[in-house]
Every structure is written in C-alpha cells, then in structure tokens.
Full PDB file with SEQRES, HELIX, SHEET, SSBOND, CRYST1, ORIGX, SCALE, CONECT and MASTER records, all heavy atoms in Angstrom:
SEQRES   1 A   38  PRO TYR PHE SER ARG THR SER LYS ASP ASN GLU ALA TYR          
SEQRES   2 A   38  ILE TYR MET ARG THR GLU ARG ILE HIS ALA PHE ASN SER          
SEQRES   3 A   38  LEU VAL VAL ASP THR TYR LYS ARG PRO TYR PRO SER              
HELIX    1 AA1 SER A   26  TYR A   32  1                                   7    
SHEET    1 AA1 2 GLU A  11  MET A  16  0                                        
SHEET    2 AA1 2 GLU A  19  ASN A  25 -1                                        
CRYST1    1.000    1.000    1.000  90.00  90.00  90.00 P 1           1          
ORIGX1      1.000000  0.000000  0.000000        0.00000                         
ORIGX2      0.000000  1.000000  0.000000        0.00000                         
ORIGX3      0.000000  0.000000  1.000000        0.00000                         
SCALE1      1.000000  0.000000  0.000000        0.00000                         
SCALE2      0.000000  1.000000  0.000000        0.00000                         
SCALE3      0.000000  0.000000  1.000000        0.00000                         
ATOM      1  N   PRO A   1       2.887  15.034  96.047  1.00  0.00           N  
ATOM      2  CA  PRO A   1       1.454  15.110  95.727  1.00  0.00           C  
ATOM      3  C   PRO A   1       0.954  13.837  95.034  1.00  0.00           C  
ATOM      4  O   PRO A   1       1.688  13.178  94.295  1.00  0.00           O  
ATOM      5  CB  PRO A   1       1.386  16.293  94.765  1.00  0.00           C  
ATOM      6  CG  PRO A   1       2.726  16.307  94.103  1.00  0.00           C  
ATOM      7  CD  PRO A   1       3.709  15.775  95.101  1.00  0.00           C  
ATOM      8  N   TYR A   2      -0.306  13.501  95.312  1.00  0.00           N  
ATOM      9  CA  TYR A   2      -0.971  12.361  94.682  1.00  0.00           C  
ATOM     10  C   TYR A   2      -2.401  12.770  94.327  1.00  0.00           C  
ATOM     11  O   TYR A   2      -3.058  13.476  95.082  1.00  0.00           O  
ATOM     12  CB  TYR A   2      -1.031  11.158  95.631  1.00  0.00           C  
ATOM     13  CG  TYR A   2       0.321  10.721  96.130  1.00  0.00           C  
ATOM     14  CD1 TYR A   2       0.793  11.164  97.367  1.00  0.00           C  
ATOM     15  CD2 TYR A   2       1.136   9.888  95.380  1.00  0.00           C  
ATOM     16  CE1 TYR A   2       2.035  10.773  97.838  1.00  0.00           C  
ATOM     17  CE2 TYR A   2       2.385   9.498  95.845  1.00  0.00           C  
ATOM     18  CZ  TYR A   2       2.827   9.939  97.075  1.00  0.00           C  
ATOM     19  OH  TYR A   2       4.060   9.566  97.542  1.00  0.00           O  
ATOM     20  N   PHE A   3      -2.868  12.308  93.169  1.00  0.00           N  
ATOM     21  CA  PHE A   3      -4.232  12.557  92.714  1.00  0.00           C  
ATOM     22  C   PHE A   3      -4.883  11.218  92.392  1.00  0.00           C  
ATOM     23  O   PHE A   3      -4.228  10.326  91.856  1.00  0.00           O  
ATOM     24  CB  PHE A   3      -4.241  13.399  91.428  1.00  0.00           C  
ATOM     25  CG  PHE A   3      -3.702  14.794  91.592  1.00  0.00           C  
ATOM     26  CD1 PHE A   3      -2.347  15.056  91.520  1.00  0.00           C  
ATOM     27  CD2 PHE A   3      -4.568  15.861  91.800  1.00  0.00           C  
ATOM     28  CE1 PHE A   3      -1.854  16.343  91.650  1.00  0.00           C  
ATOM     29  CE2 PHE A   3      -4.091  17.155  91.934  1.00  0.00           C  
ATOM     30  CZ  PHE A   3      -2.727  17.393  91.860  1.00  0.00           C  
ATOM     31  N   SER A   4      -6.177  11.075  92.664  1.00  0.00           N  
ATOM     32  CA  SER A   4      -6.866   9.818  92.360  1.00  0.00           C  
ATOM     33  C   SER A   4      -7.145   9.665  90.872  1.00  0.00           C  
ATOM     34  O   SER A   4      -7.383   8.551  90.400  1.00  0.00           O  
ATOM     35  CB  SER A   4      -8.177   9.730  93.137  1.00  0.00           C  
ATOM     36  OG  SER A   4      -9.075  10.748  92.731  1.00  0.00           O  
ATOM     37  N   ARG A   5      -7.100  10.760  90.145  1.00  0.00           N  
ATOM     38  CA  ARG A   5      -7.315  10.696  88.697  1.00  0.00           C  
ATOM     39  C   ARG A   5      -6.567  11.836  88.017  1.00  0.00           C  
ATOM     40  O   ARG A   5      -6.237  12.834  88.648  1.00  0.00           O  
ATOM     41  CB  ARG A   5      -8.800  10.736  88.331  1.00  0.00           C  
ATOM     42  CG  ARG A   5      -9.591  11.834  88.980  1.00  0.00           C  
ATOM     43  CD  ARG A   5     -11.071  11.773  88.627  1.00  0.00           C  
ATOM     44  NE  ARG A   5     -11.311  12.079  87.242  1.00  0.00           N  
ATOM     45  CZ  ARG A   5     -11.257  13.300  86.720  1.00  0.00           C  
ATOM     46  NH1 ARG A   5     -10.962  14.333  87.470  1.00  0.00           N  
ATOM     47  NH2 ARG A   5     -11.520  13.489  85.449  1.00  0.00           N  
ATOM     48  N   THR A   6      -6.294  11.648  86.746  1.00  0.00           N  
ATOM     49  CA  THR A   6      -5.490  12.613  86.003  1.00  0.00           C  
ATOM     50  C   THR A   6      -6.361  13.410  85.034  1.00  0.00           C  
ATOM     51  O   THR A   6      -7.196  12.845  84.332  1.00  0.00           O  
ATOM     52  CB  THR A   6      -4.395  11.875  85.204  1.00  0.00           C  
ATOM     53  OG1 THR A   6      -3.597  11.144  86.118  1.00  0.00           O  
ATOM     54  CG2 THR A   6      -3.507  12.837  84.464  1.00  0.00           C  
ATOM     55  N   SER A   7      -6.151  14.719  85.035  1.00  0.00           N  
ATOM     56  CA  SER A   7      -6.826  15.617  84.106  1.00  0.00           C  
ATOM     57  C   SER A   7      -6.013  16.903  84.041  1.00  0.00           C  
ATOM     58  O   SER A   7      -5.395  17.298  85.025  1.00  0.00           O  
ATOM     59  CB  SER A   7      -8.242  15.937  84.592  1.00  0.00           C  
ATOM     60  OG  SER A   7      -8.782  17.025  83.871  1.00  0.00           O  
ATOM     61  N   LYS A   8      -6.034  17.560  82.918  1.00  0.00           N  
ATOM     62  CA  LYS A   8      -5.280  18.815  82.792  1.00  0.00           C  
ATOM     63  C   LYS A   8      -5.821  19.895  83.715  1.00  0.00           C  
ATOM     64  O   LYS A   8      -5.128  20.852  84.037  1.00  0.00           O  
ATOM     65  CB  LYS A   8      -5.272  19.304  81.347  1.00  0.00           C  
ATOM     66  CG  LYS A   8      -6.625  19.757  80.827  1.00  0.00           C  
ATOM     67  CD  LYS A   8      -6.525  20.268  79.413  1.00  0.00           C  
ATOM     68  CE  LYS A   8      -7.853  20.683  78.852  1.00  0.00           C  
ATOM     69  NZ  LYS A   8      -8.521  21.750  79.575  1.00  0.00           N  
ATOM     70  N   ASP A   9      -7.051  19.734  84.200  1.00  0.00           N  
ATOM     71  CA  ASP A   9      -7.672  20.735  85.063  1.00  0.00           C  
ATOM     72  C   ASP A   9      -7.606  20.401  86.554  1.00  0.00           C  
ATOM     73  O   ASP A   9      -8.100  21.175  87.370  1.00  0.00           O  
ATOM     74  CB  ASP A   9      -9.126  20.953  84.661  1.00  0.00           C  
ATOM     75  CG  ASP A   9      -9.236  21.519  83.260  1.00  0.00           C  
ATOM     76  OD1 ASP A   9      -8.426  22.397  82.910  1.00  0.00           O  
ATOM     77  OD2 ASP A   9     -10.127  21.073  82.510  1.00  0.00           O  
ATOM     78  N   ASN A  10      -7.032  19.268  86.926  1.00  0.00           N  
ATOM     79  CA  ASN A  10      -6.899  18.913  88.338  1.00  0.00           C  
ATOM     80  C   ASN A  10      -5.615  19.525  88.894  1.00  0.00           C  
ATOM     81  O   ASN A  10      -4.521  19.188  88.453  1.00  0.00           O  
ATOM     82  CB  ASN A  10      -6.838  17.401  88.531  1.00  0.00           C  
ATOM     83  CG  ASN A  10      -8.158  16.733  88.255  1.00  0.00           C  
ATOM     84  OD1 ASN A  10      -9.183  17.382  88.142  1.00  0.00           O  
ATOM     85  ND2 ASN A  10      -8.132  15.417  88.153  1.00  0.00           N  
ATOM     86  N   GLU A  11      -5.780  20.415  89.861  1.00  0.00           N  
ATOM     87  CA  GLU A  11      -4.619  21.088  90.429  1.00  0.00           C  
ATOM     88  C   GLU A  11      -4.728  21.142  91.947  1.00  0.00           C  
ATOM     89  O   GLU A  11      -5.829  21.276  92.486  1.00  0.00           O  
ATOM     90  CB  GLU A  11      -4.494  22.508  89.873  1.00  0.00           C  
ATOM     91  CG  GLU A  11      -4.220  22.520  88.388  1.00  0.00           C  
ATOM     92  CD  GLU A  11      -4.063  23.920  87.821  1.00  0.00           C  
ATOM     93  OE1 GLU A  11      -4.444  24.895  88.488  1.00  0.00           O  
ATOM     94  OE2 GLU A  11      -3.549  24.014  86.698  1.00  0.00           O  
ATOM     95  N   ALA A  12      -3.584  21.035  92.615  1.00  0.00           N  
ATOM     96  CA  ALA A  12      -3.515  21.171  94.069  1.00  0.00           C  
ATOM     97  C   ALA A  12      -2.542  22.289  94.390  1.00  0.00           C  
ATOM     98  O   ALA A  12      -1.543  22.478  93.680  1.00  0.00           O  
ATOM     99  CB  ALA A  12      -3.051  19.865  94.708  1.00  0.00           C  
ATOM    100  N   TYR A  13      -2.850  23.021  95.464  1.00  0.00           N  
ATOM    101  CA  TYR A  13      -2.015  24.154  95.868  1.00  0.00           C  
ATOM    102  C   TYR A  13      -1.715  24.066  97.357  1.00  0.00           C  
ATOM    103  O   TYR A  13      -2.579  23.690  98.140  1.00  0.00           O  
ATOM    104  CB  TYR A  13      -2.725  25.487  95.593  1.00  0.00           C  
ATOM    105  CG  TYR A  13      -3.332  25.590  94.220  1.00  0.00           C  
ATOM    106  CD1 TYR A  13      -4.698  25.615  94.036  1.00  0.00           C  
ATOM    107  CD2 TYR A  13      -2.513  25.657  93.091  1.00  0.00           C  
ATOM    108  CE1 TYR A  13      -5.260  25.715  92.769  1.00  0.00           C  
ATOM    109  CE2 TYR A  13      -3.058  25.755  91.816  1.00  0.00           C  
ATOM    110  CZ  TYR A  13      -4.438  25.782  91.667  1.00  0.00           C  
ATOM    111  OH  TYR A  13      -4.981  25.865  90.414  1.00  0.00           O  
ATOM    112  N   ILE A  14      -0.503  24.452  97.726  1.00  0.00           N  
ATOM    113  CA  ILE A  14      -0.124  24.549  99.127  1.00  0.00           C  
ATOM    114  C   ILE A  14       0.071  26.036  99.439  1.00  0.00           C  
ATOM    115  O   ILE A  14       0.795  26.731  98.726  1.00  0.00           O  
ATOM    116  CB  ILE A  14       1.185  23.786  99.421  1.00  0.00           C  
ATOM    117  CG1 ILE A  14       1.047  22.310  99.062  1.00  0.00           C  
ATOM    118  CG2 ILE A  14       1.607  23.967 100.879  1.00  0.00           C  
ATOM    119  CD1 ILE A  14       0.149  21.525  99.973  1.00  0.00           C  
ATOM    120  N   TYR A  15      -0.576  26.483 100.498  1.00  0.00           N  
ATOM    121  CA  TYR A  15      -0.476  27.876 100.933  1.00  0.00           C  
ATOM    122  C   TYR A  15       0.148  27.973 102.319  1.00  0.00           C  
ATOM    123  O   TYR A  15      -0.085  27.115 103.166  1.00  0.00           O  
ATOM    124  CB  TYR A  15      -1.866  28.518 101.027  1.00  0.00           C  
ATOM    125  CG  TYR A  15      -2.488  28.899  99.719  1.00  0.00           C  
ATOM    126  CD1 TYR A  15      -3.248  27.989  98.997  1.00  0.00           C  
ATOM    127  CD2 TYR A  15      -2.334  30.185  99.221  1.00  0.00           C  
ATOM    128  CE1 TYR A  15      -3.839  28.349  97.799  1.00  0.00           C  
ATOM    129  CE2 TYR A  15      -2.932  30.555  98.024  1.00  0.00           C  
ATOM    130  CZ  TYR A  15      -3.677  29.632  97.316  1.00  0.00           C  
ATOM    131  OH  TYR A  15      -4.270  29.985  96.131  1.00  0.00           O  
ATOM    132  N   MET A  16       0.900  29.045 102.532  1.00  0.00           N  
ATOM    133  CA  MET A  16       1.337  29.468 103.852  1.00  0.00           C  
ATOM    134  C   MET A  16       0.694  30.838 104.040  1.00  0.00           C  
ATOM    135  O   MET A  16       0.982  31.764 103.265  1.00  0.00           O  
ATOM    136  CB  MET A  16       2.862  29.584 103.925  1.00  0.00           C  
ATOM    137  CG  MET A  16       3.368  30.156 105.242  1.00  0.00           C  
ATOM    138  SD  MET A  16       5.176  30.295 105.339  1.00  0.00           S  
ATOM    139  CE  MET A  16       5.472  31.632 104.172  1.00  0.00           C  
ATOM    140  N   ARG A  17      -0.181  30.948 105.009  1.00  0.00           N  
ATOM    141  CA  ARG A  17      -1.027  32.140 105.164  1.00  0.00           C  
ATOM    142  C   ARG A  17      -1.822  32.326 103.865  1.00  0.00           C  
ATOM    143  O   ARG A  17      -2.583  31.460 103.499  1.00  0.00           O  
ATOM    144  CB  ARG A  17      -0.198  33.371 105.507  1.00  0.00           C  
ATOM    145  CG  ARG A  17       0.492  33.307 106.850  1.00  0.00           C  
ATOM    146  CD  ARG A  17       1.190  34.632 107.159  1.00  0.00           C  
ATOM    147  NE  ARG A  17       1.868  34.616 108.415  1.00  0.00           N  
ATOM    148  CZ  ARG A  17       3.196  34.531 108.531  1.00  0.00           C  
ATOM    149  NH1 ARG A  17       3.962  34.473 107.471  1.00  0.00           N  
ATOM    150  NH2 ARG A  17       3.739  34.524 109.726  1.00  0.00           N  
ATOM    151  N   THR A  18      -1.599  33.427 103.165  1.00  0.00           N  
ATOM    152  CA  THR A  18      -2.301  33.651 101.891  1.00  0.00           C  
ATOM    153  C   THR A  18      -1.367  33.508 100.696  1.00  0.00           C  
ATOM    154  O   THR A  18      -1.769  33.752  99.562  1.00  0.00           O  
ATOM    155  CB  THR A  18      -2.921  35.068 101.860  1.00  0.00           C  
ATOM    156  OG1 THR A  18      -1.875  36.026 102.037  1.00  0.00           O  
ATOM    157  CG2 THR A  18      -3.959  35.234 102.956  1.00  0.00           C  
ATOM    158  N   GLU A  19      -0.133  33.106 100.940  1.00  0.00           N  
ATOM    159  CA  GLU A  19       0.864  32.977  99.871  1.00  0.00           C  
ATOM    160  C   GLU A  19       0.890  31.548  99.329  1.00  0.00           C  
ATOM    161  O   GLU A  19       1.096  30.595 100.073  1.00  0.00           O  
ATOM    162  CB  GLU A  19       2.247  33.342 100.408  1.00  0.00           C  
ATOM    163  CG  GLU A  19       3.341  33.229  99.379  1.00  0.00           C  
ATOM    164  CD  GLU A  19       4.718  33.523  99.970  1.00  0.00           C  
ATOM    165  OE1 GLU A  19       4.819  33.850 101.157  1.00  0.00           O  
ATOM    166  OE2 GLU A  19       5.688  33.406  99.216  1.00  0.00           O  
ATOM    167  N   ARG A  20       0.684  31.405  98.028  1.00  0.00           N  
ATOM    168  CA  ARG A  20       0.769  30.085  97.391  1.00  0.00           C  
ATOM    169  C   ARG A  20       2.249  29.737  97.243  1.00  0.00           C  
ATOM    170  O   ARG A  20       2.992  30.414  96.547  1.00  0.00           O  
ATOM    171  CB  ARG A  20       0.103  30.102  96.029  1.00  0.00           C  
ATOM    172  CG  ARG A  20       0.072  28.731  95.364  1.00  0.00           C  
ATOM    173  CD  ARG A  20      -0.544  28.787  93.991  1.00  0.00           C  
ATOM    174  NE  ARG A  20      -1.974  29.035  94.071  1.00  0.00           N  
ATOM    175  CZ  ARG A  20      -2.746  29.188  92.998  1.00  0.00           C  
ATOM    176  NH1 ARG A  20      -2.226  29.143  91.790  1.00  0.00           N  
ATOM    177  NH2 ARG A  20      -4.035  29.411  93.139  1.00  0.00           N  
ATOM    178  N   ILE A  21       2.677  28.652  97.909  1.00  0.00           N  
ATOM    179  CA  ILE A  21       4.091  28.279  97.873  1.00  0.00           C  
ATOM    180  C   ILE A  21       4.374  27.091  96.963  1.00  0.00           C  
ATOM    181  O   ILE A  21       5.516  26.876  96.577  1.00  0.00           O  
ATOM    182  CB  ILE A  21       4.656  28.043  99.296  1.00  0.00           C  
ATOM    183  CG1 ILE A  21       3.864  26.970 100.035  1.00  0.00           C  
ATOM    184  CG2 ILE A  21       4.695  29.339 100.082  1.00  0.00           C  
ATOM    185  CD1 ILE A  21       4.440  26.610 101.394  1.00  0.00           C  
ATOM    186  N   HIS A  22       3.340  26.313  96.626  1.00  0.00           N  
ATOM    187  CA  HIS A  22       3.497  25.195  95.689  1.00  0.00           C  
ATOM    188  C   HIS A  22       2.217  25.029  94.889  1.00  0.00           C  
ATOM    189  O   HIS A  22       1.125  25.209  95.419  1.00  0.00           O  
ATOM    190  CB  HIS A  22       3.793  23.876  96.420  1.00  0.00           C  
ATOM    191  CG  HIS A  22       5.149  23.798  97.016  1.00  0.00           C  
ATOM    192  ND1 HIS A  22       6.281  23.616  96.270  1.00  0.00           N  
ATOM    193  CD2 HIS A  22       5.564  23.893  98.295  1.00  0.00           C  
ATOM    194  CE1 HIS A  22       7.334  23.588  97.057  1.00  0.00           C  
ATOM    195  NE2 HIS A  22       6.920  23.766  98.301  1.00  0.00           N  
ATOM    196  N   ALA A  23       2.364  24.662  93.625  1.00  0.00           N  
ATOM    197  CA  ALA A  23       1.226  24.365  92.760  1.00  0.00           C  
ATOM    198  C   ALA A  23       1.544  23.103  91.967  1.00  0.00           C  
ATOM    199  O   ALA A  23       2.658  22.956  91.461  1.00  0.00           O  
ATOM    200  CB  ALA A  23       0.955  25.524  91.813  1.00  0.00           C  
ATOM    201  N   PHE A  24       0.575  22.186  91.892  1.00  0.00           N  
ATOM    202  CA  PHE A  24       0.789  20.906  91.210  1.00  0.00           C  
ATOM    203  C   PHE A  24      -0.366  20.621  90.268  1.00  0.00           C  
ATOM    204  O   PHE A  24      -1.522  20.789  90.633  1.00  0.00           O  
ATOM    205  CB  PHE A  24       0.882  19.758  92.222  1.00  0.00           C  
ATOM    206  CG  PHE A  24       1.911  19.975  93.277  1.00  0.00           C  
ATOM    207  CD1 PHE A  24       1.557  20.424  94.529  1.00  0.00           C  
ATOM    208  CD2 PHE A  24       3.253  19.751  93.006  1.00  0.00           C  
ATOM    209  CE1 PHE A  24       2.512  20.640  95.508  1.00  0.00           C  
ATOM    210  CE2 PHE A  24       4.220  19.959  93.977  1.00  0.00           C  
ATOM    211  CZ  PHE A  24       3.843  20.406  95.228  1.00  0.00           C  
ATOM    212  N   ASN A  25      -0.041  20.167  89.064  1.00  0.00           N  
ATOM    213  CA  ASN A  25      -1.031  19.740  88.092  1.00  0.00           C  
ATOM    214  C   ASN A  25      -0.968  18.217  88.015  1.00  0.00           C  
ATOM    215  O   ASN A  25       0.121  17.641  87.962  1.00  0.00           O  
ATOM    216  CB  ASN A  25      -0.739  20.361  86.726  1.00  0.00           C  
ATOM    217  CG  ASN A  25      -1.752  19.948  85.701  1.00  0.00           C  
ATOM    218  OD1 ASN A  25      -1.705  18.839  85.192  1.00  0.00           O  
ATOM    219  ND2 ASN A  25      -2.684  20.836  85.403  1.00  0.00           N  
ATOM    220  N   SER A  26      -2.125  17.555  88.003  1.00  0.00           N  
ATOM    221  CA  SER A  26      -2.141  16.091  88.049  1.00  0.00           C  
ATOM    222  C   SER A  26      -1.465  15.443  86.835  1.00  0.00           C  
ATOM    223  O   SER A  26      -0.896  14.360  86.951  1.00  0.00           O  
ATOM    224  CB  SER A  26      -3.564  15.565  88.195  1.00  0.00           C  
ATOM    225  OG  SER A  26      -4.335  15.868  87.054  1.00  0.00           O  
ATOM    226  N   LEU A  27      -1.484  16.090  85.660  1.00  0.00           N  
ATOM    227  CA  LEU A  27      -0.812  15.514  84.486  1.00  0.00           C  
ATOM    228  C   LEU A  27       0.696  15.444  84.705  1.00  0.00           C  
ATOM    229  O   LEU A  27       1.341  14.437  84.403  1.00  0.00           O  
ATOM    230  CB  LEU A  27      -1.115  16.328  83.232  1.00  0.00           C  
ATOM    231  CG  LEU A  27      -2.502  16.191  82.633  1.00  0.00           C  
ATOM    232  CD1 LEU A  27      -2.654  17.121  81.438  1.00  0.00           C  
ATOM    233  CD2 LEU A  27      -2.790  14.766  82.249  1.00  0.00           C  
ATOM    234  N   VAL A  28       1.271  16.508  85.252  1.00  0.00           N  
ATOM    235  CA  VAL A  28       2.715  16.540  85.506  1.00  0.00           C  
ATOM    236  C   VAL A  28       3.078  15.564  86.624  1.00  0.00           C  
ATOM    237  O   VAL A  28       4.034  14.802  86.507  1.00  0.00           O  
ATOM    238  CB  VAL A  28       3.167  17.975  85.869  1.00  0.00           C  
ATOM    239  CG1 VAL A  28       4.636  18.003  86.247  1.00  0.00           C  
ATOM    240  CG2 VAL A  28       2.890  18.916  84.712  1.00  0.00           C  
ATOM    241  N   VAL A  29       2.299  15.579  87.695  1.00  0.00           N  
ATOM    242  CA  VAL A  29       2.555  14.684  88.827  1.00  0.00           C  
ATOM    243  C   VAL A  29       2.505  13.227  88.378  1.00  0.00           C  
ATOM    244  O   VAL A  29       3.377  12.429  88.712  1.00  0.00           O  
ATOM    245  CB  VAL A  29       1.539  14.950  89.957  1.00  0.00           C  
ATOM    246  CG1 VAL A  29       1.587  13.855  91.008  1.00  0.00           C  
ATOM    247  CG2 VAL A  29       1.794  16.304  90.584  1.00  0.00           C  
ATOM    248  N   ASP A  30       1.479  12.874  87.596  1.00  0.00           N  
ATOM    249  CA  ASP A  30       1.321  11.491  87.145  1.00  0.00           C  
ATOM    250  C   ASP A  30       2.411  11.088  86.149  1.00  0.00           C  
ATOM    251  O   ASP A  30       2.828   9.939  86.107  1.00  0.00           O  
ATOM    252  CB  ASP A  30      -0.059  11.297  86.514  1.00  0.00           C  
ATOM    253  CG  ASP A  30      -0.370   9.836  86.291  1.00  0.00           C  
ATOM    254  OD1 ASP A  30      -0.239   9.053  87.240  1.00  0.00           O  
ATOM    255  OD2 ASP A  30      -0.728   9.486  85.151  1.00  0.00           O  
ATOM    256  N   THR A  31       2.882  12.011  85.345  1.00  0.00           N  
ATOM    257  CA  THR A  31       3.917  11.713  84.353  1.00  0.00           C  
ATOM    258  C   THR A  31       5.267  11.445  85.009  1.00  0.00           C  
ATOM    259  O   THR A  31       5.943  10.473  84.693  1.00  0.00           O  
ATOM    260  CB  THR A  31       4.058  12.877  83.351  1.00  0.00           C  
ATOM    261  OG1 THR A  31       2.807  13.046  82.686  1.00  0.00           O  
ATOM    262  CG2 THR A  31       5.142  12.596  82.333  1.00  0.00           C  
ATOM    263  N   TYR A  32       5.668  12.303  85.941  1.00  0.00           N  
ATOM    264  CA  TYR A  32       7.016  12.212  86.511  1.00  0.00           C  
ATOM    265  C   TYR A  32       7.091  11.407  87.797  1.00  0.00           C  
ATOM    266  O   TYR A  32       8.158  10.892  88.136  1.00  0.00           O  
ATOM    267  CB  TYR A  32       7.592  13.612  86.718  1.00  0.00           C  
ATOM    268  CG  TYR A  32       7.795  14.321  85.410  1.00  0.00           C  
ATOM    269  CD1 TYR A  32       6.963  15.355  85.025  1.00  0.00           C  
ATOM    270  CD2 TYR A  32       8.785  13.921  84.533  1.00  0.00           C  
ATOM    271  CE1 TYR A  32       7.126  15.985  83.807  1.00  0.00           C  
ATOM    272  CE2 TYR A  32       8.958  14.541  83.311  1.00  0.00           C  
ATOM    273  CZ  TYR A  32       8.132  15.582  82.957  1.00  0.00           C  
ATOM    274  OH  TYR A  32       8.292  16.192  81.749  1.00  0.00           O  
ATOM    275  N   LYS A  33       6.005  11.319  88.548  1.00  0.00           N  
ATOM    276  CA  LYS A  33       5.942  10.507  89.768  1.00  0.00           C  
ATOM    277  C   LYS A  33       7.170  10.682  90.665  1.00  0.00           C  
ATOM    278  O   LYS A  33       7.874   9.738  90.986  1.00  0.00           O  
ATOM    279  CB  LYS A  33       5.766   9.034  89.418  1.00  0.00           C  
ATOM    280  CG  LYS A  33       4.483   8.719  88.706  1.00  0.00           C  
ATOM    281  CD  LYS A  33       4.390   7.249  88.390  1.00  0.00           C  
ATOM    282  CE  LYS A  33       3.155   6.762  87.780  1.00  0.00           C  
ATOM    283  NZ  LYS A  33       2.363   7.452  86.909  1.00  0.00           N  
ATOM    284  N   ARG A  34       7.435  11.918  91.048  1.00  0.00           N  
ATOM    285  CA  ARG A  34       8.604  12.182  91.880  1.00  0.00           C  
ATOM    286  C   ARG A  34       8.261  13.197  92.961  1.00  0.00           C  
ATOM    287  O   ARG A  34       7.320  13.979  92.816  1.00  0.00           O  
ATOM    288  CB  ARG A  34       9.748  12.709  91.040  1.00  0.00           C  
ATOM    289  CG  ARG A  34       9.460  14.060  90.416  1.00  0.00           C  
ATOM    290  CD  ARG A  34      10.639  14.584  89.602  1.00  0.00           C  
ATOM    291  NE  ARG A  34      10.327  15.839  88.978  1.00  0.00           N  
ATOM    292  CZ  ARG A  34      10.448  17.031  89.556  1.00  0.00           C  
ATOM    293  NH1 ARG A  34      10.880  17.111  90.783  1.00  0.00           N  
ATOM    294  NH2 ARG A  34      10.159  18.135  88.915  1.00  0.00           N  
ATOM    295  N   PRO A  35       9.019  13.200  94.050  1.00  0.00           N  
ATOM    296  CA  PRO A  35       8.824  14.236  95.066  1.00  0.00           C  
ATOM    297  C   PRO A  35       9.402  15.567  94.593  1.00  0.00           C  
ATOM    298  O   PRO A  35      10.281  15.598  93.729  1.00  0.00           O  
ATOM    299  CB  PRO A  35       9.588  13.706  96.276  1.00  0.00           C  
ATOM    300  CG  PRO A  35      10.575  12.754  95.719  1.00  0.00           C  
ATOM    301  CD  PRO A  35      10.009  12.211  94.442  1.00  0.00           C  
ATOM    302  N   TYR A  36       8.912  16.645  95.161  1.00  0.00           N  
ATOM    303  CA  TYR A  36       9.366  17.984  94.797  1.00  0.00           C  
ATOM    304  C   TYR A  36      10.136  18.587  95.976  1.00  0.00           C  
ATOM    305  O   TYR A  36       9.576  18.716  97.062  1.00  0.00           O  
ATOM    306  CB  TYR A  36       8.166  18.875  94.442  1.00  0.00           C  
ATOM    307  CG  TYR A  36       7.463  18.394  93.204  1.00  0.00           C  
ATOM    308  CD1 TYR A  36       6.516  17.381  93.256  1.00  0.00           C  
ATOM    309  CD2 TYR A  36       7.767  18.932  91.962  1.00  0.00           C  
ATOM    310  CE1 TYR A  36       5.883  16.925  92.110  1.00  0.00           C  
ATOM    311  CE2 TYR A  36       7.132  18.483  90.812  1.00  0.00           C  
ATOM    312  CZ  TYR A  36       6.196  17.479  90.896  1.00  0.00           C  
ATOM    313  OH  TYR A  36       5.570  17.022  89.770  1.00  0.00           O  
ATOM    314  N   PRO A  37      11.401  18.942  95.780  1.00  0.00           N  
ATOM    315  CA  PRO A  37      12.175  19.536  96.877  1.00  0.00           C  
ATOM    316  C   PRO A  37      11.690  20.951  97.197  1.00  0.00           C  
ATOM    317  O   PRO A  37      11.113  21.625  96.350  1.00  0.00           O  
ATOM    318  CB  PRO A  37      13.602  19.552  96.335  1.00  0.00           C  
ATOM    319  CG  PRO A  37      13.456  19.540  94.853  1.00  0.00           C  
ATOM    320  CD  PRO A  37      12.175  18.821  94.551  1.00  0.00           C  
ATOM    321  N   SER A  38      11.944  21.362  98.428  1.00  0.00           N  
ATOM    322  CA  SER A  38      11.534  22.684  98.864  1.00  0.00           C  
ATOM    323  C   SER A  38      12.462  23.145  99.977  1.00  0.00           C  
ATOM    324  O   SER A  38      13.155  22.338 100.581  1.00  0.00           O  
ATOM    325  CB  SER A  38      10.095  22.638  99.377  1.00  0.00           C  
ATOM    326  OG  SER A  38       9.656  23.909  99.766  1.00  0.00           O  
TER     327      SER A  38                                                      
MASTER        0    0    0    1    2    0    0    6  326    1    0    3          
END                                                                             
C-alpha cells in the first residue's frame, strides 16, 4: 500500500466480495514502508 499523505485517519481496505481481507493505516504504512504478506 501507498498513500500520498499521512494521517491517523487515512485508511485503505481490500475486500473480496463483502469480506474485508486487509486494512491499512497510512501512519503504519509510512512508518514501516514494507510489503505485507498474504
């Protein structure tokens, strides 16, 4: 995941059908800068 800006309220979600399978917060993504295995 990548975000153009960081905020505690910026979140991205990946869904399969109606099931949320991944959730990302821009603060965590920007801090660790790593891919997430699945």
